[in-house]
Protein backbone atom coordinates (compact mmCIF):
# COMPACT_ATOMS: atom_id res chain seq x y z
CA MET A 1 -19.74 -31.82 37.41
CA ARG A 2 -16.01 -32.36 37.56
CA ALA A 3 -13.15 -30.88 39.52
CA VAL A 4 -10.61 -29.01 37.41
CA SER A 5 -7.32 -27.48 38.40
CA VAL A 6 -7.33 -23.73 37.85
CA GLU A 7 -4.22 -24.23 35.73
CA ASP A 8 -6.30 -26.38 33.36
CA LEU A 9 -9.31 -24.06 33.10
CA LYS A 10 -10.23 -22.76 29.66
CA PRO A 11 -12.39 -19.78 28.74
CA GLY A 12 -15.89 -20.97 27.95
CA MET A 13 -16.12 -23.52 30.77
CA VAL A 14 -19.15 -23.07 33.06
CA LEU A 15 -18.75 -22.91 36.83
CA ALA A 16 -20.82 -25.60 38.59
CA ARG A 17 -20.53 -24.29 42.15
CA SER A 18 -20.29 -20.74 43.46
CA LEU A 19 -16.93 -19.82 44.92
CA VAL A 20 -17.03 -18.08 48.30
CA ASN A 21 -14.28 -16.95 50.63
CA GLU A 22 -14.01 -17.58 54.37
CA ASP A 23 -16.44 -14.74 55.06
CA MET A 24 -19.03 -16.32 52.73
CA VAL A 25 -18.55 -13.50 50.22
CA VAL A 26 -19.25 -14.65 46.67
CA ILE A 27 -16.14 -14.53 44.48
CA ILE A 28 -17.65 -15.96 41.29
CA SER A 29 -21.24 -17.17 40.98
CA GLU A 30 -22.48 -20.59 39.91
CA ASP A 31 -23.34 -20.82 36.16
CA THR A 32 -20.78 -18.14 35.26
CA LEU A 33 -19.30 -18.60 31.80
CA LEU A 34 -15.62 -18.34 32.64
CA THR A 35 -13.46 -15.84 30.80
CA GLN A 36 -9.70 -15.41 30.85
CA ALA A 37 -10.20 -12.58 33.34
CA HIS A 38 -12.00 -14.97 35.71
CA ILE A 39 -9.20 -17.52 35.41
CA THR A 40 -6.54 -14.88 36.04
CA ARG A 41 -8.46 -13.77 39.12
CA LEU A 42 -8.63 -17.34 40.45
CA ASN A 43 -4.88 -17.72 40.01
CA PHE A 44 -4.32 -14.42 41.81
CA LEU A 45 -6.47 -15.65 44.73
CA ASN A 46 -4.48 -18.92 44.90
CA ILE A 47 -7.58 -21.08 44.42
CA PRO A 48 -6.28 -24.48 43.30
CA VAL A 49 -9.41 -26.31 42.08
CA VAL A 50 -12.96 -25.43 41.01
CA TYR A 51 -15.96 -27.42 39.86
CA VAL A 52 -17.16 -26.96 36.30
CA LYS A 53 -20.09 -28.46 34.45
CA ASP A 54 -19.31 -31.54 32.41
CA GLU A 55 -20.52 -32.25 28.89
CA TYR A 56 -23.62 -34.10 30.09
CA GLU A 57 -24.73 -31.21 32.31
CA LEU A 58 -24.38 -28.85 29.35
CA SER A 59 -26.24 -31.16 26.96
CA SER A 60 -29.82 -30.60 25.87
CA ASN A 61 -30.82 -34.00 27.31
CA TYR A 62 -29.63 -32.98 30.77
CA GLN A 63 -31.33 -29.60 30.55
CA THR A 64 -34.58 -31.31 29.56
CA ALA A 65 -34.34 -33.83 32.38
CA SER A 66 -33.51 -31.11 34.89
CA ALA A 67 -36.52 -29.14 33.75
CA VAL A 68 -38.81 -32.11 34.33
CA PHE A 69 -37.59 -32.68 37.87
CA ASN A 70 -37.16 -29.06 38.91
CA ARG A 71 -40.24 -28.27 40.97
CA SER A 72 -39.88 -24.53 40.30
CA ASN A 73 -39.32 -24.95 36.57
CA ALA A 74 -42.64 -23.43 35.58
CA PHE A 75 -41.97 -20.32 37.68
CA VAL A 76 -38.41 -19.98 36.36
CA LYS A 77 -39.60 -20.43 32.79
CA GLU A 78 -42.25 -17.72 33.17
CA TYR A 79 -39.79 -15.42 34.93
CA SER A 80 -37.15 -15.96 32.25
CA ALA A 81 -39.68 -15.15 29.54
CA VAL A 82 -40.18 -11.63 30.89
CA VAL A 83 -36.49 -10.80 31.43
CA ASP A 84 -35.92 -9.74 27.81
CA ALA A 85 -38.94 -7.45 27.86
CA ALA A 86 -37.71 -5.82 31.07
CA GLU A 87 -34.23 -5.33 29.62
CA GLU A 88 -35.68 -3.70 26.52
CA ILE A 89 -37.76 -1.27 28.60
CA PHE A 90 -34.79 -0.19 30.68
CA GLN A 91 -32.60 0.06 27.58
CA GLU A 92 -35.12 2.33 25.85
CA VAL A 93 -35.25 4.63 28.87
CA SER A 94 -31.44 4.76 29.00
CA GLU A 95 -31.51 5.93 25.37
CA GLY A 96 -34.01 8.66 26.20
CA ASN A 97 -36.97 6.99 24.51
CA THR A 98 -39.97 6.86 26.85
CA ASP A 99 -42.76 6.90 24.24
CA HIS A 100 -44.01 3.39 24.93
CA VAL A 101 -42.51 2.73 28.36
CA GLU A 102 -45.68 3.25 30.36
CA LYS A 103 -47.77 0.91 28.19
CA ARG A 104 -45.12 -1.80 28.03
CA ALA A 105 -44.30 -1.65 31.75
CA LYS A 106 -47.96 -1.99 32.67
CA GLU A 107 -48.30 -4.95 30.31
CA VAL A 108 -45.28 -6.65 31.91
CA VAL A 109 -46.84 -6.22 35.35
CA THR A 110 -50.38 -7.24 34.38
CA ASP A 111 -49.58 -10.12 32.04
CA SER A 112 -46.47 -11.61 33.65
CA LEU A 113 -45.44 -10.33 37.07
CA ALA A 114 -48.87 -10.24 38.74
CA PRO A 115 -49.51 -13.95 38.00
CA LEU A 116 -46.00 -14.79 39.28
CA SER A 117 -46.67 -12.92 42.52
CA ARG A 118 -49.71 -15.12 43.13
CA ASN A 119 -47.76 -18.32 42.49
CA SER A 120 -47.72 -20.79 45.37
CA GLY A 121 -44.20 -20.93 46.76
CA VAL A 122 -43.15 -17.63 45.20
CA ILE A 123 -40.76 -16.79 48.08
CA ASP A 124 -38.91 -20.08 47.60
CA HIS A 125 -38.85 -19.69 43.83
CA LEU A 126 -37.33 -16.22 44.03
CA PHE A 127 -34.62 -17.54 46.35
CA GLU A 128 -33.84 -20.27 43.82
CA LEU A 129 -33.22 -17.68 41.11
CA ASN A 130 -29.47 -17.52 41.48
CA HIS A 131 -28.89 -14.58 39.13
CA LEU A 132 -26.51 -11.85 40.08
CA ALA A 133 -28.40 -8.77 41.25
CA ASN A 134 -26.18 -6.14 39.70
CA ASN A 135 -28.22 -5.78 36.55
CA VAL A 136 -30.94 -3.30 37.33
CA TYR A 137 -33.82 -4.81 35.42
CA GLN A 138 -33.65 -8.30 37.00
CA HIS A 139 -33.44 -6.78 40.47
CA SER A 140 -36.45 -4.66 39.53
CA LEU A 141 -38.40 -7.73 38.39
CA ARG A 142 -37.82 -9.47 41.71
CA VAL A 143 -38.65 -6.35 43.72
CA SER A 144 -41.86 -6.00 41.71
CA ILE A 145 -42.91 -9.58 42.47
CA LEU A 146 -42.05 -9.20 46.16
CA SER A 147 -43.92 -5.90 46.33
CA GLY A 148 -46.97 -7.65 44.91
CA VAL A 149 -46.71 -10.41 47.50
CA ILE A 150 -46.45 -7.85 50.32
CA ALA A 151 -49.40 -5.87 48.95
CA LYS A 152 -51.45 -9.07 48.92
CA TRP A 153 -50.46 -9.76 52.55
CA MET A 154 -51.64 -6.22 53.37
CA HIS A 155 -55.04 -7.03 51.79
CA PHE A 156 -54.96 -4.48 49.00
CA ASP A 157 -57.32 -5.11 46.10
CA ARG A 158 -55.98 -6.46 42.82
CA THR A 159 -55.86 -3.09 41.06
CA ARG A 160 -53.80 -1.49 43.81
CA CYS A 161 -51.58 -4.58 44.11
CA GLN A 162 -50.71 -4.22 40.43
CA ASP A 163 -49.99 -0.52 40.85
CA ILE A 164 -47.66 -1.31 43.74
CA MET A 165 -45.98 -3.94 41.55
CA LEU A 166 -45.50 -1.26 38.89
CA ALA A 167 -43.84 0.86 41.59
CA GLY A 168 -41.51 -2.05 42.37
CA PHE A 169 -40.71 -2.59 38.70
CA MET A 170 -39.95 1.09 38.08
CA HIS A 171 -38.33 1.98 41.41
CA ASP A 172 -34.77 1.95 40.05
CA ILE A 173 -35.55 3.37 36.60
CA GLY A 174 -33.37 6.36 37.49
CA LYS A 175 -30.33 4.08 37.36
CA THR A 176 -30.66 4.09 33.57
CA ARG A 177 -29.02 7.51 33.83
CA PHE A 178 -25.96 6.04 35.57
CA PRO A 179 -22.60 6.10 33.80
CA GLN A 180 -21.18 2.59 33.46
CA ARG A 181 -18.43 3.31 36.00
CA ILE A 182 -21.11 3.64 38.70
CA LEU A 183 -22.93 0.47 37.64
CA ASP A 184 -19.67 -1.47 37.83
CA LYS A 185 -18.93 -0.46 41.43
CA GLN A 186 -20.17 -1.88 44.73
CA ILE A 187 -22.59 0.62 46.23
CA ASP A 188 -21.13 0.54 49.74
CA LYS A 189 -17.73 1.53 48.34
CA LEU A 190 -18.93 4.64 46.53
CA GLN A 191 -17.53 7.90 47.85
CA GLY A 192 -17.65 11.59 47.09
CA GLU A 193 -19.02 12.50 43.68
CA ASP A 194 -19.79 8.86 42.81
CA TYR A 195 -22.00 8.53 45.88
CA GLU A 196 -23.80 11.76 45.02
CA VAL A 197 -24.46 10.37 41.53
CA TYR A 198 -25.84 7.20 43.11
CA ILE A 199 -28.22 9.15 45.36
CA GLN A 200 -29.41 11.09 42.32
CA HIS A 201 -31.01 7.95 40.82
CA THR A 202 -34.02 8.48 43.09
CA VAL A 203 -34.59 12.02 41.83
CA ASP A 204 -33.92 10.98 38.22
CA GLY A 205 -36.42 8.12 38.56
CA HIS A 206 -39.12 10.49 39.80
CA HIS A 207 -38.35 12.88 36.95
CA ILE A 208 -38.58 10.12 34.31
CA LEU A 209 -41.88 8.83 35.67
CA SER A 210 -43.31 12.33 36.02
CA GLY A 211 -43.09 12.60 32.24
CA LEU A 212 -45.50 9.66 31.84
CA SER A 213 -49.11 10.78 32.03
CA GLY A 214 -50.73 7.56 33.28
CA ILE A 215 -48.38 6.86 36.20
CA SER A 216 -49.83 7.29 39.70
CA ASP A 217 -48.28 9.51 42.35
CA GLY A 218 -47.53 6.41 44.42
CA VAL A 219 -45.40 4.90 41.66
CA LYS A 220 -43.56 8.17 41.12
CA LEU A 221 -42.92 8.64 44.85
CA ALA A 222 -41.73 5.04 45.26
CA ALA A 223 -38.94 5.85 42.80
CA MET A 224 -38.12 9.00 44.77
CA GLN A 225 -38.49 7.65 48.29
CA HIS A 226 -37.60 3.93 48.37
CA HIS A 227 -34.33 4.80 50.14
CA GLU A 228 -35.99 7.14 52.64
CA ARG A 229 -36.38 5.76 56.16
CA MET A 230 -38.98 6.31 58.87
CA ASP A 231 -36.42 7.77 61.30
CA GLY A 232 -35.11 10.26 58.74
CA SER A 233 -31.86 8.38 58.12
CA GLY A 234 -32.48 7.76 54.40
CA PHE A 235 -32.00 9.74 51.20
CA PRO A 236 -32.35 11.80 49.05
CA PHE A 237 -34.12 14.29 51.37
CA GLY A 238 -34.10 12.67 54.82
CA CYS A 239 -37.89 12.32 54.89
CA ASN A 240 -39.44 10.59 57.87
CA GLY A 241 -42.66 8.95 59.01
CA PRO A 242 -45.80 10.27 57.31
CA GLU A 243 -43.76 12.16 54.70
CA ILE A 244 -42.98 8.82 53.01
CA ASN A 245 -45.53 7.42 50.59
CA PRO A 246 -46.93 3.96 51.50
CA TYR A 247 -45.84 2.56 48.11
CA ALA A 248 -42.27 3.60 48.89
CA CYS A 249 -42.42 1.85 52.28
CA ILE A 250 -43.51 -1.41 50.64
CA VAL A 251 -40.92 -1.20 47.86
CA ALA A 252 -38.23 -0.41 50.46
CA ILE A 253 -38.88 -3.71 52.25
CA ALA A 254 -38.91 -5.66 48.97
CA ASP A 255 -35.70 -3.91 47.89
CA VAL A 256 -33.93 -4.70 51.18
CA TYR A 257 -35.09 -8.33 51.14
CA ASP A 258 -33.85 -8.88 47.58
CA ASN A 259 -30.51 -7.19 48.22
CA ILE A 260 -29.88 -9.36 51.29
CA THR A 261 -30.96 -12.70 49.80
CA THR A 262 -29.61 -12.51 46.26
CA GLU A 263 -26.15 -13.76 45.40
CA ARG A 264 -23.89 -10.92 44.34
CA GLU A 265 -20.17 -10.79 43.74
CA GLY A 266 -18.35 -8.97 46.51
CA TYR A 267 -21.15 -9.26 49.09
CA VAL A 268 -21.77 -11.64 51.95
CA LYS A 269 -24.01 -14.48 50.82
CA GLN A 270 -27.03 -14.48 53.16
CA THR A 271 -30.21 -16.44 53.76
CA PRO A 272 -33.84 -15.29 54.03
CA PHE A 273 -33.44 -15.50 57.82
CA ASP A 274 -30.82 -12.76 57.72
CA ALA A 275 -33.40 -10.63 55.91
CA ILE A 276 -36.04 -11.47 58.52
CA SER A 277 -33.59 -10.54 61.28
CA TYR A 278 -32.84 -7.21 59.59
CA ILE A 279 -36.54 -6.40 59.21
CA THR A 280 -37.21 -7.41 62.83
CA GLU A 281 -34.32 -5.30 64.15
CA ASN A 282 -35.48 -2.21 62.22
CA LEU A 283 -39.20 -2.73 62.76
CA TYR A 284 -39.73 0.40 64.89
CA THR A 285 -36.81 2.51 63.69
CA SER A 286 -35.97 2.85 60.01
CA LEU A 287 -38.66 0.61 58.48
CA ASP A 288 -42.44 1.06 58.47
CA PRO A 289 -44.07 -1.28 61.01
CA THR A 290 -47.37 -1.26 59.11
CA VAL A 291 -45.49 -3.06 56.31
CA CYS A 292 -43.05 -5.06 58.42
CA ILE A 293 -45.68 -6.71 60.63
CA PRO A 294 -47.65 -8.30 57.74
CA VAL A 295 -44.36 -9.38 56.17
CA LEU A 296 -43.07 -11.00 59.35
CA THR A 297 -46.45 -12.60 60.03
CA HIS A 298 -46.82 -14.21 56.62
CA ILE A 299 -43.34 -14.82 55.22
CA LYS A 300 -42.42 -17.37 57.86
CA ASP A 301 -45.11 -19.72 56.59
CA ALA A 302 -43.06 -20.08 53.41
CA PHE A 303 -40.17 -21.60 55.34
CA LEU A 304 -41.94 -24.21 57.46
CA GLY A 305 -40.64 -27.69 56.62
CA SER A 306 -37.60 -26.40 54.78
CA LYS A 307 -34.18 -27.92 55.36
CA VAL A 308 -31.35 -25.87 56.86
CA THR A 309 -27.70 -26.45 57.62
CA LEU A 310 -26.38 -24.90 60.84
CA SER A 311 -22.98 -23.52 61.78
CA ASN A 312 -22.59 -26.17 64.52
CA GLY A 313 -22.57 -28.88 61.86
CA LEU A 314 -26.14 -30.05 62.42
CA ALA A 315 -28.90 -30.08 59.83
CA GLY A 316 -32.64 -30.17 60.32
CA TYR A 317 -36.02 -28.85 59.29
CA ILE A 318 -37.82 -25.67 60.27
CA ALA A 319 -40.56 -26.76 62.67
CA SER A 320 -42.00 -23.40 63.76
CA PHE A 321 -41.35 -19.84 64.89
CA PRO A 322 -41.93 -19.25 68.63
CA ASN A 323 -44.01 -16.12 67.97
CA ASP A 324 -44.77 -13.55 65.29
CA PHE A 325 -41.74 -11.40 66.13
CA ALA A 326 -39.18 -14.14 66.67
CA ALA A 327 -36.52 -13.50 64.06
CA ARG A 328 -35.24 -17.08 64.07
CA PRO A 329 -36.96 -20.45 63.77
CA VAL A 330 -37.16 -23.60 65.85
CA ILE A 331 -35.26 -26.40 64.11
CA SER A 332 -36.25 -30.05 64.28
CA ILE A 333 -32.93 -31.88 64.48
CA SER A 334 -34.61 -35.25 65.03
CA ASP A 335 -37.88 -36.67 66.30
CA GLU A 336 -36.62 -36.10 69.83
CA GLU A 337 -34.64 -32.87 69.50
CA LEU A 338 -35.85 -29.32 68.84
CA LEU A 339 -33.43 -26.38 68.75
CA ASN A 340 -34.76 -22.84 69.25
CA LEU A 341 -32.22 -20.63 67.48
CA ASN A 342 -33.52 -17.57 69.32
CA GLU A 343 -31.98 -19.06 72.45
CA HIS A 344 -28.68 -19.81 70.70
CA PRO A 345 -27.53 -16.65 68.88
CA GLU A 346 -24.10 -18.21 68.38
CA ILE A 347 -25.58 -20.76 65.97
CA LYS A 348 -26.09 -19.44 62.45
CA ILE A 349 -28.09 -20.78 59.52
CA LEU A 350 -25.45 -21.33 56.87
CA GLU A 351 -27.62 -22.75 54.14
CA TYR A 352 -31.31 -22.73 53.32
CA ASN A 353 -32.71 -25.24 50.85
CA PRO A 354 -36.31 -24.80 49.77
CA LYS A 355 -38.43 -27.76 50.74
């Protein structure tokens, strides 16, 4: 990579490092193909220098070498192969054509997503996928994979795991009815009529899936209820507790986890430990404990041995979690020093690098 003055940037250059502000909010994501609009924005924000990829990094030789040494390459390759199919499915629904959606969606889950969900290190691999989350179908792919992982942790059989993955894949299908102006906006800034349109995606999703004869009630209700919460604080109908389908409770956790841990322009860039903290804090209020407990019990195993950078300037490796419900890990700073972050809430994990 090379440092380039913003004044010397040209459209077509590729950003080599994500740009974040002082609040760790992503301004422009790594691997973005810069346009004149991006460059104008950087000038407006008074950012003097950025890192862009050099000719070697963009060459086929570099891409081949990176692929050889990237330990998650196989996962990324398999994931990338299914992205186009997912986009086509969502595009067909947006055009009102649902004739083959059920068959194709089930094939995507059975042939591609289910094997990915059983991949060793899947939690790390998903975190390494640095795509922006604001296209619906890629978010849906990740939620589907995570839903499958959670279903496995809950000891469902393979058939039900795949049905839950289908629920994850189709949970946001109602967003295909969104006008582009809604898709282009940050959800937490929607107000008035725009917010009502956003809420409607749950009802629209249920309606779309209800027109498909081979879709289970759980999949349909996951589309309707994945924003409902156990304490009645969710939408669209303020359902609570036993009124919420178990599929929806699983997809809700996967949806929250992906939204927290995926890099998105305009949002605070967060680590998996922020997601764990959120799940822990809402364990007995808005989220379903029968889903949260297996998640908290198993997901921490994925992080043991991983390197982290802390807000106090130290770096170390995750040695353990004090107990099943400890939201934060114990960090091995050196052979002699262990730091229990649960006892030091002022210290934050700034960066998580898969082991």
